[in-house]
């Protein structure tokens, strides 16, 4: 890229990612404009396109960074855990915390927002990113299955991964639960995660 050293290009790209993340956390990806981001970094809007093809591409980059943090936290949480039920509980709790603290990720579960944010991203690229996300988390499930002698060991890891969407739905409706009764949401989450983990890892057969 003419006019910039490798060090400057790296710095500007990282500044765009960090600024985009901060602004999108505060205002949401739909309301955050490229100009907002470039003004914060101190570069021109045309300069932005030397680093990213679109705001959606930057958003995907930010989401990938957020996912990497989640996977690292999950590794630490599951380190040394061999009991499948305990491990699955920790995985689900970690996922819950990840979603609750990350409004950007929550946005991807809302269909209208998803279509608006990624309207200029090809379905092939989105599918590839989703597959990579699945591939990154399945090894955690497989590691727990290796320590199971019950039906849990025989279940499709991708199907087990699908229960995470149940957690996501509850997070998205957290405000509604809080309106009903203080602490009601936490009670539901505790019961849901415990029931899912114990139900999936039970050694009983019918």
C-alpha atoms as a PDB file:
ATOM      1  CA  UNK A   1       0.000   0.000   0.000  1.00  0.00           C
ATOM      2  CA  UNK A   2       1.751   3.143  -1.217  1.00  0.00           C
ATOM      3  CA  UNK A   3       2.530   5.847   1.316  1.00  0.00           C
ATOM      4  CA  UNK A   4       2.491   3.648   4.420  1.00  0.00           C
ATOM      5  CA  UNK A   5       5.087   1.472   6.036  1.00  0.00           C
ATOM      6  CA  UNK A   6       4.106  -2.029   7.117  1.00  0.00           C
ATOM      7  CA  UNK A   7       4.063  -0.823  10.710  1.00  0.00           C
ATOM      8  CA  UNK A   8       1.735   2.069   9.876  1.00  0.00           C
ATOM      9  CA  UNK A   9      -0.634  -0.179   7.925  1.00  0.00           C
ATOM     10  CA  UNK A  10      -0.812  -2.577  10.856  1.00  0.00           C
ATOM     11  CA  UNK A  11      -1.461   0.247  13.291  1.00  0.00           C
ATOM     12  CA  UNK A  12      -4.192   1.883  11.194  1.00  0.00           C
ATOM     13  CA  UNK A  13      -5.940  -1.432  10.598  1.00  0.00           C
ATOM     14  CA  UNK A  14      -5.918  -2.193  14.314  1.00  0.00           C
ATOM     15  CA  UNK A  15      -7.153   1.340  15.096  1.00  0.00           C
ATOM     16  CA  UNK A  16     -10.070   0.832  12.693  1.00  0.00           C
ATOM     17  CA  UNK A  17     -10.963  -2.459  14.340  1.00  0.00           C
ATOM     18  CA  UNK A  18     -10.796  -1.048  17.853  1.00  0.00           C
ATOM     19  CA  UNK A  19     -12.644   2.143  16.946  1.00  0.00           C
ATOM     20  CA  UNK A  20     -15.294   0.217  15.037  1.00  0.00           C
ATOM     21  CA  UNK A  21     -15.772  -2.145  17.962  1.00  0.00           C
ATOM     22  CA  UNK A  22     -16.135   0.695  20.459  1.00  0.00           C
ATOM     23  CA  UNK A  23     -18.590   2.668  18.318  1.00  0.00           C
ATOM     24  CA  UNK A  24     -20.643  -0.372  17.352  1.00  0.00           C
ATOM     25  CA  UNK A  25     -20.875  -1.440  20.971  1.00  0.00           C
ATOM     26  CA  UNK A  26     -22.167   2.031  21.845  1.00  0.00           C
ATOM     27  CA  UNK A  27     -24.477   2.745  18.896  1.00  0.00           C
ATOM     28  CA  UNK A  28     -24.961  -0.607  17.157  1.00  0.00           C
ATOM     29  CA  UNK A  29     -23.549  -1.611  13.769  1.00  0.00           C
ATOM     30  CA  UNK A  30     -26.495  -0.215  11.799  1.00  0.00           C
ATOM     31  CA  UNK A  31     -26.204   3.310  13.232  1.00  0.00           C
ATOM     32  CA  UNK A  32     -22.410   3.423  13.137  1.00  0.00           C
ATOM     33  CA  UNK A  33     -21.161   4.852   9.845  1.00  0.00           C
ATOM     34  CA  UNK A  34     -17.818   4.486   8.140  1.00  0.00           C
ATOM     35  CA  UNK A  35     -17.333   8.237   8.597  1.00  0.00           C
ATOM     36  CA  UNK A  36     -17.852   7.844  12.351  1.00  0.00           C
ATOM     37  CA  UNK A  37     -15.085   5.274  12.397  1.00  0.00           C
ATOM     38  CA  UNK A  38     -12.641   7.113  10.148  1.00  0.00           C
ATOM     39  CA  UNK A  39     -13.147  10.403  12.017  1.00  0.00           C
ATOM     40  CA  UNK A  40     -12.324   8.609  15.247  1.00  0.00           C
ATOM     41  CA  UNK A  41      -9.156   7.150  13.769  1.00  0.00           C
ATOM     42  CA  UNK A  42      -8.177  10.349  11.984  1.00  0.00           C
ATOM     43  CA  UNK A  43      -8.136   9.140   8.384  1.00  0.00           C
ATOM     44  CA  UNK A  44     -10.304   9.939   5.361  1.00  0.00           C
ATOM     45  CA  UNK A  45     -13.258   7.803   4.324  1.00  0.00           C
ATOM     46  CA  UNK A  46     -11.596   6.782   1.004  1.00  0.00           C
ATOM     47  CA  UNK A  47      -8.623   5.610   3.055  1.00  0.00           C
ATOM     48  CA  UNK A  48     -10.930   3.170   4.884  1.00  0.00           C
ATOM     49  CA  UNK A  49     -11.386   1.172   1.685  1.00  0.00           C
ATOM     50  CA  UNK A  50      -7.677   0.489   1.511  1.00  0.00           C
ATOM     51  CA  UNK A  51      -8.158  -1.694   4.559  1.00  0.00           C
ATOM     52  CA  UNK A  52     -11.725  -3.039   4.293  1.00  0.00           C
ATOM     53  CA  UNK A  53     -14.092  -3.438   1.350  1.00  0.00           C
ATOM     54  CA  UNK A  54     -17.112  -2.386   3.410  1.00  0.00           C
ATOM     55  CA  UNK A  55     -18.414  -1.766   6.906  1.00  0.00           C
ATOM     56  CA  UNK A  56     -19.727  -5.335   6.899  1.00  0.00           C
ATOM     57  CA  UNK A  57     -16.206  -6.661   6.290  1.00  0.00           C
ATOM     58  CA  UNK A  58     -14.949  -4.673   9.264  1.00  0.00           C
ATOM     59  CA  UNK A  59     -17.861  -5.960  11.336  1.00  0.00           C
ATOM     60  CA  UNK A  60     -16.989  -9.550  10.431  1.00  0.00           C
ATOM     61  CA  UNK A  61     -13.394  -8.906  11.435  1.00  0.00           C
ATOM     62  CA  UNK A  62     -14.575  -7.575  14.795  1.00  0.00           C
ATOM     63  CA  UNK A  63     -16.832 -10.585  15.335  1.00  0.00           C
ATOM     64  CA  UNK A  64     -13.965 -12.935  14.585  1.00  0.00           C
ATOM     65  CA  UNK A  65     -11.861 -11.158  17.207  1.00  0.00           C
ATOM     66  CA  UNK A  66     -14.700 -11.499  19.713  1.00  0.00           C
ATOM     67  CA  UNK A  67     -14.990 -15.212  18.913  1.00  0.00           C
ATOM     68  CA  UNK A  68     -11.288 -15.725  19.525  1.00  0.00           C
ATOM     69  CA  UNK A  69     -11.647 -14.194  22.991  1.00  0.00           C
ATOM     70  CA  UNK A  70     -14.590 -16.516  23.684  1.00  0.00           C
ATOM     71  CA  UNK A  71     -12.638 -19.601  22.607  1.00  0.00           C
ATOM     72  CA  UNK A  72      -9.697 -18.618  24.782  1.00  0.00           C
ATOM     73  CA  UNK A  73     -11.987 -18.110  27.784  1.00  0.00           C
ATOM     74  CA  UNK A  74     -13.601 -21.461  27.078  1.00  0.00           C
ATOM     75  CA  UNK A  75     -10.221 -23.204  26.956  1.00  0.00           C
ATOM     76  CA  UNK A  76      -9.369 -21.786  30.366  1.00  0.00           C
ATOM     77  CA  UNK A  77     -12.785 -22.719  31.756  1.00  0.00           C
ATOM     78  CA  UNK A  78     -12.572 -26.331  30.551  1.00  0.00           C
ATOM     79  CA  UNK A  79      -8.908 -26.859  31.315  1.00  0.00           C
ATOM     80  CA  UNK A  80      -8.594 -30.050  33.341  1.00  0.00           C
ATOM     81  CA  UNK A  81     -12.353 -30.754  33.354  1.00  0.00           C
ATOM     82  CA  UNK A  82     -13.106 -34.374  32.482  1.00  0.00           C
ATOM     83  CA  UNK A  83     -16.646 -34.801  33.809  1.00  0.00           C
ATOM     84  CA  UNK A  84     -18.954 -34.396  30.757  1.00  0.00           C
ATOM     85  CA  UNK A  85     -21.843 -32.886  32.736  1.00  0.00           C
ATOM     86  CA  UNK A  86     -19.665 -30.355  34.529  1.00  0.00           C
ATOM     87  CA  UNK A  87     -17.847 -29.541  31.304  1.00  0.00           C
ATOM     88  CA  UNK A  88     -21.062 -28.978  29.378  1.00  0.00           C
ATOM     89  CA  UNK A  89     -22.410 -26.765  32.153  1.00  0.00           C
ATOM     90  CA  UNK A  90     -19.266 -24.656  32.013  1.00  0.00           C
ATOM     91  CA  UNK A  91     -19.460 -24.433  28.219  1.00  0.00           C
ATOM     92  CA  UNK A  92     -23.073 -23.240  28.364  1.00  0.00           C
ATOM     93  CA  UNK A  93     -22.373 -20.734  31.152  1.00  0.00           C
ATOM     94  CA  UNK A  94     -19.379 -19.403  29.265  1.00  0.00           C
ATOM     95  CA  UNK A  95     -21.528 -18.978  26.150  1.00  0.00           C
ATOM     96  CA  UNK A  96     -24.199 -17.203  28.161  1.00  0.00           C
ATOM     97  CA  UNK A  97     -21.644 -14.756  29.610  1.00  0.00           C
ATOM     98  CA  UNK A  98     -20.192 -14.194  26.133  1.00  0.00           C
ATOM     99  CA  UNK A  99     -23.569 -13.242  24.680  1.00  0.00           C
ATOM    100  CA  UNK A 100     -24.710 -11.130  27.617  1.00  0.00           C
ATOM    101  CA  UNK A 101     -21.575  -9.015  27.508  1.00  0.00           C
ATOM    102  CA  UNK A 102     -21.477  -8.673  23.737  1.00  0.00           C
ATOM    103  CA  UNK A 103     -24.307  -6.734  22.029  1.00  0.00           C
ATOM    104  CA  UNK A 104     -22.573  -7.102  18.662  1.00  0.00           C
ATOM    105  CA  UNK A 105     -22.916 -10.871  18.758  1.00  0.00           C
ATOM    106  CA  UNK A 106     -26.513 -10.546  19.924  1.00  0.00           C
ATOM    107  CA  UNK A 107     -27.244  -8.524  16.771  1.00  0.00           C
ATOM    108  CA  UNK A 108     -26.359 -11.511  14.584  1.00  0.00           C
ATOM    109  CA  UNK A 109     -29.227 -13.509  16.096  1.00  0.00           C
ATOM    110  CA  UNK A 110     -31.813 -10.940  15.021  1.00  0.00           C
ATOM    111  CA  UNK A 111     -32.843 -11.758  11.475  1.00  0.00           C
ATOM    112  CA  UNK A 112     -33.640  -8.222  10.313  1.00  0.00           C
ATOM    113  CA  UNK A 113     -30.370  -6.880  11.684  1.00  0.00           C
ATOM    114  CA  UNK A 114     -28.461  -9.790  10.192  1.00  0.00           C
ATOM    115  CA  UNK A 115     -29.867  -9.165   6.718  1.00  0.00           C
ATOM    116  CA  UNK A 116     -29.253  -5.423   6.921  1.00  0.00           C
ATOM    117  CA  UNK A 117     -25.692  -5.673   8.247  1.00  0.00           C
ATOM    118  CA  UNK A 118     -24.536  -8.378   5.851  1.00  0.00           C
ATOM    119  CA  UNK A 119     -26.572  -7.506   2.781  1.00  0.00           C
ATOM    120  CA  UNK A 120     -23.399  -6.836   0.756  1.00  0.00           C
ATOM    121  CA  UNK A 121     -21.575  -9.956   1.908  1.00  0.00           C
ATOM    122  CA  UNK A 122     -21.879 -13.002  -0.332  1.00  0.00           C
ATOM    123  CA  UNK A 123     -23.769 -16.028   1.082  1.00  0.00           C
ATOM    124  CA  UNK A 124     -20.687 -18.120   0.355  1.00  0.00           C
ATOM    125  CA  UNK A 125     -18.494 -15.974   2.608  1.00  0.00           C
ATOM    126  CA  UNK A 126     -21.077 -16.004   5.412  1.00  0.00           C
ATOM    127  CA  UNK A 127     -21.457 -19.776   5.136  1.00  0.00           C
ATOM    128  CA  UNK A 128     -17.690 -20.220   5.307  1.00  0.00           C
ATOM    129  CA  UNK A 129     -17.454 -18.075   8.449  1.00  0.00           C
ATOM    130  CA  UNK A 130     -20.291 -19.987  10.106  1.00  0.00           C
ATOM    131  CA  UNK A 131     -18.631 -23.291   9.295  1.00  0.00           C
ATOM    132  CA  UNK A 132     -15.364 -22.048  10.765  1.00  0.00           C
ATOM    133  CA  UNK A 133     -17.182 -21.083  13.953  1.00  0.00           C
ATOM    134  CA  UNK A 134     -18.684 -24.557  14.234  1.00  0.00           C
ATOM    135  CA  UNK A 135     -15.329 -26.179  13.531  1.00  0.00           C
ATOM    136  CA  UNK A 136     -13.702 -24.128  16.305  1.00  0.00           C
ATOM    137  CA  UNK A 137     -16.112 -25.152  19.062  1.00  0.00           C
ATOM    138  CA  UNK A 138     -16.814 -28.789  18.178  1.00  0.00           C
ATOM    139  CA  UNK A 139     -13.401 -29.983  19.503  1.00  0.00           C
ATOM    140  CA  UNK A 140     -14.444 -28.818  22.980  1.00  0.00           C
ATOM    141  CA  UNK A 141     -17.518 -31.029  22.792  1.00  0.00           C
ATOM    142  CA  UNK A 142     -15.591 -33.964  21.363  1.00  0.00           C
ATOM    143  CA  UNK A 143     -13.071 -33.709  24.207  1.00  0.00           C
ATOM    144  CA  UNK A 144     -15.903 -34.063  26.737  1.00  0.00           C
ATOM    145  CA  UNK A 145     -17.400 -36.963  24.768  1.00  0.00           C
ATOM    146  CA  UNK A 146     -14.127 -38.849  25.066  1.00  0.00           C
ATOM    147  CA  UNK A 147     -14.666 -38.995  28.835  1.00  0.00           C
ATOM    148  CA  UNK A 148     -18.250 -40.205  28.558  1.00  0.00           C
ATOM    149  CA  UNK A 149     -19.350 -43.824  28.607  1.00  0.00           C
ATOM    150  CA  UNK A 150     -23.018 -43.005  28.127  1.00  0.00           C
ATOM    151  CA  UNK A 151     -25.226 -41.896  25.212  1.00  0.00           C
ATOM    152  CA  UNK A 152     -23.557 -38.469  25.250  1.00  0.00           C
ATOM    153  CA  UNK A 153     -20.495 -40.015  23.607  1.00  0.00           C
ATOM    154  CA  UNK A 154     -22.602 -41.168  20.662  1.00  0.00           C
ATOM    155  CA  UNK A 155     -24.433 -37.927  20.000  1.00  0.00           C
ATOM    156  CA  UNK A 156     -23.543 -35.816  16.970  1.00  0.00           C
ATOM    157  CA  UNK A 157     -21.317 -32.959  18.237  1.00  0.00           C
ATOM    158  CA  UNK A 158     -22.976 -30.585  15.761  1.00  0.00           C
ATOM    159  CA  UNK A 159     -26.385 -31.444  17.226  1.00  0.00           C
ATOM    160  CA  UNK A 160     -25.105 -30.781  20.751  1.00  0.00           C
ATOM    161  CA  UNK A 161     -23.722 -27.487  19.503  1.00  0.00           C
ATOM    162  CA  UNK A 162     -27.220 -26.621  18.315  1.00  0.00           C
ATOM    163  CA  UNK A 163     -28.460 -26.323  21.903  1.00  0.00           C
ATOM    164  CA  UNK A 164     -26.418 -23.140  22.197  1.00  0.00           C
ATOM    165  CA  UNK A 165     -29.132 -21.413  20.194  1.00  0.00           C
ATOM    166  CA  UNK A 166     -31.489 -22.116  23.107  1.00  0.00           C
ATOM    167  CA  UNK A 167     -29.206 -20.102  25.364  1.00  0.00           C
ATOM    168  CA  UNK A 168     -29.037 -17.303  22.790  1.00  0.00           C
ATOM    169  CA  UNK A 169     -32.840 -17.027  22.655  1.00  0.00           C
ATOM    170  CA  UNK A 170     -33.054 -16.541  26.406  1.00  0.00           C
ATOM    171  CA  UNK A 171     -30.345 -13.861  26.369  1.00  0.00           C
ATOM    172  CA  UNK A 172     -32.170 -11.950  23.644  1.00  0.00           C
ATOM    173  CA  UNK A 173     -35.325 -11.862  25.802  1.00  0.00           C
ATOM    174  CA  UNK A 174     -33.591 -11.056  29.085  1.00  0.00           C
ATOM    175  CA  UNK A 175     -35.361  -7.703  29.487  1.00  0.00           C
ATOM    176  CA  UNK A 176     -38.773  -9.367  29.301  1.00  0.00           C
ATOM    177  CA  UNK A 177     -37.880 -11.793  32.066  1.00  0.00           C
ATOM    178  CA  UNK A 178     -36.523  -8.989  34.242  1.00  0.00           C
ATOM    179  CA  UNK A 179     -39.803  -7.098  33.848  1.00  0.00           C
ATOM    180  CA  UNK A 180     -41.712 -10.076  35.225  1.00  0.00           C
ATOM    181  CA  UNK A 181     -39.761 -10.512  38.455  1.00  0.00           C
ATOM    182  CA  UNK A 182     -36.314  -9.562  39.731  1.00  0.00           C
ATOM    183  CA  UNK A 183     -33.968 -12.526  39.437  1.00  0.00           C
ATOM    184  CA  UNK A 184     -36.430 -14.483  37.284  1.00  0.00           C
ATOM    185  CA  UNK A 185     -34.086 -14.533  34.305  1.00  0.00           C
ATOM    186  CA  UNK A 186     -31.213 -15.916  36.385  1.00  0.00           C
ATOM    187  CA  UNK A 187     -33.472 -18.641  37.766  1.00  0.00           C
ATOM    188  CA  UNK A 188     -34.525 -19.648  34.277  1.00  0.00           C
ATOM    189  CA  UNK A 189     -30.962 -19.670  32.979  1.00  0.00           C
ATOM    190  CA  UNK A 190     -29.734 -21.768  35.902  1.00  0.00           C
ATOM    191  CA  UNK A 191     -32.519 -24.293  35.424  1.00  0.00           C
ATOM    192  CA  UNK A 192     -32.098 -24.359  31.642  1.00  0.00           C
ATOM    193  CA  UNK A 193     -28.336 -24.883  31.682  1.00  0.00           C
ATOM    194  CA  UNK A 194     -28.497 -27.483  34.447  1.00  0.00           C
ATOM    195  CA  UNK A 195     -31.294 -29.361  32.693  1.00  0.00           C
ATOM    196  CA  UNK A 196     -29.541 -29.318  29.324  1.00  0.00           C
ATOM    197  CA  UNK A 197     -26.204 -30.473  30.712  1.00  0.00           C
ATOM    198  CA  UNK A 198     -27.651 -33.198  32.921  1.00  0.00           C
ATOM    199  CA  UNK A 199     -30.140 -34.339  30.310  1.00  0.00           C
ATOM    200  CA  UNK A 200     -27.572 -34.627  27.530  1.00  0.00           C
ATOM    201  CA  UNK A 201     -24.967 -36.403  29.634  1.00  0.00           C
ATOM    202  CA  UNK A 202     -27.188 -38.828  31.536  1.00  0.00           C
ATOM    203  CA  UNK A 203     -25.925 -42.415  31.490  1.00  0.00           C
ATOM    204  CA  UNK A 204     -29.425 -43.856  31.705  1.00  0.00           C
ATOM    205  CA  UNK A 205     -30.910 -45.469  28.618  1.00  0.00           C
ATOM    206  CA  UNK A 206     -34.571 -46.085  27.864  1.00  0.00           C
END
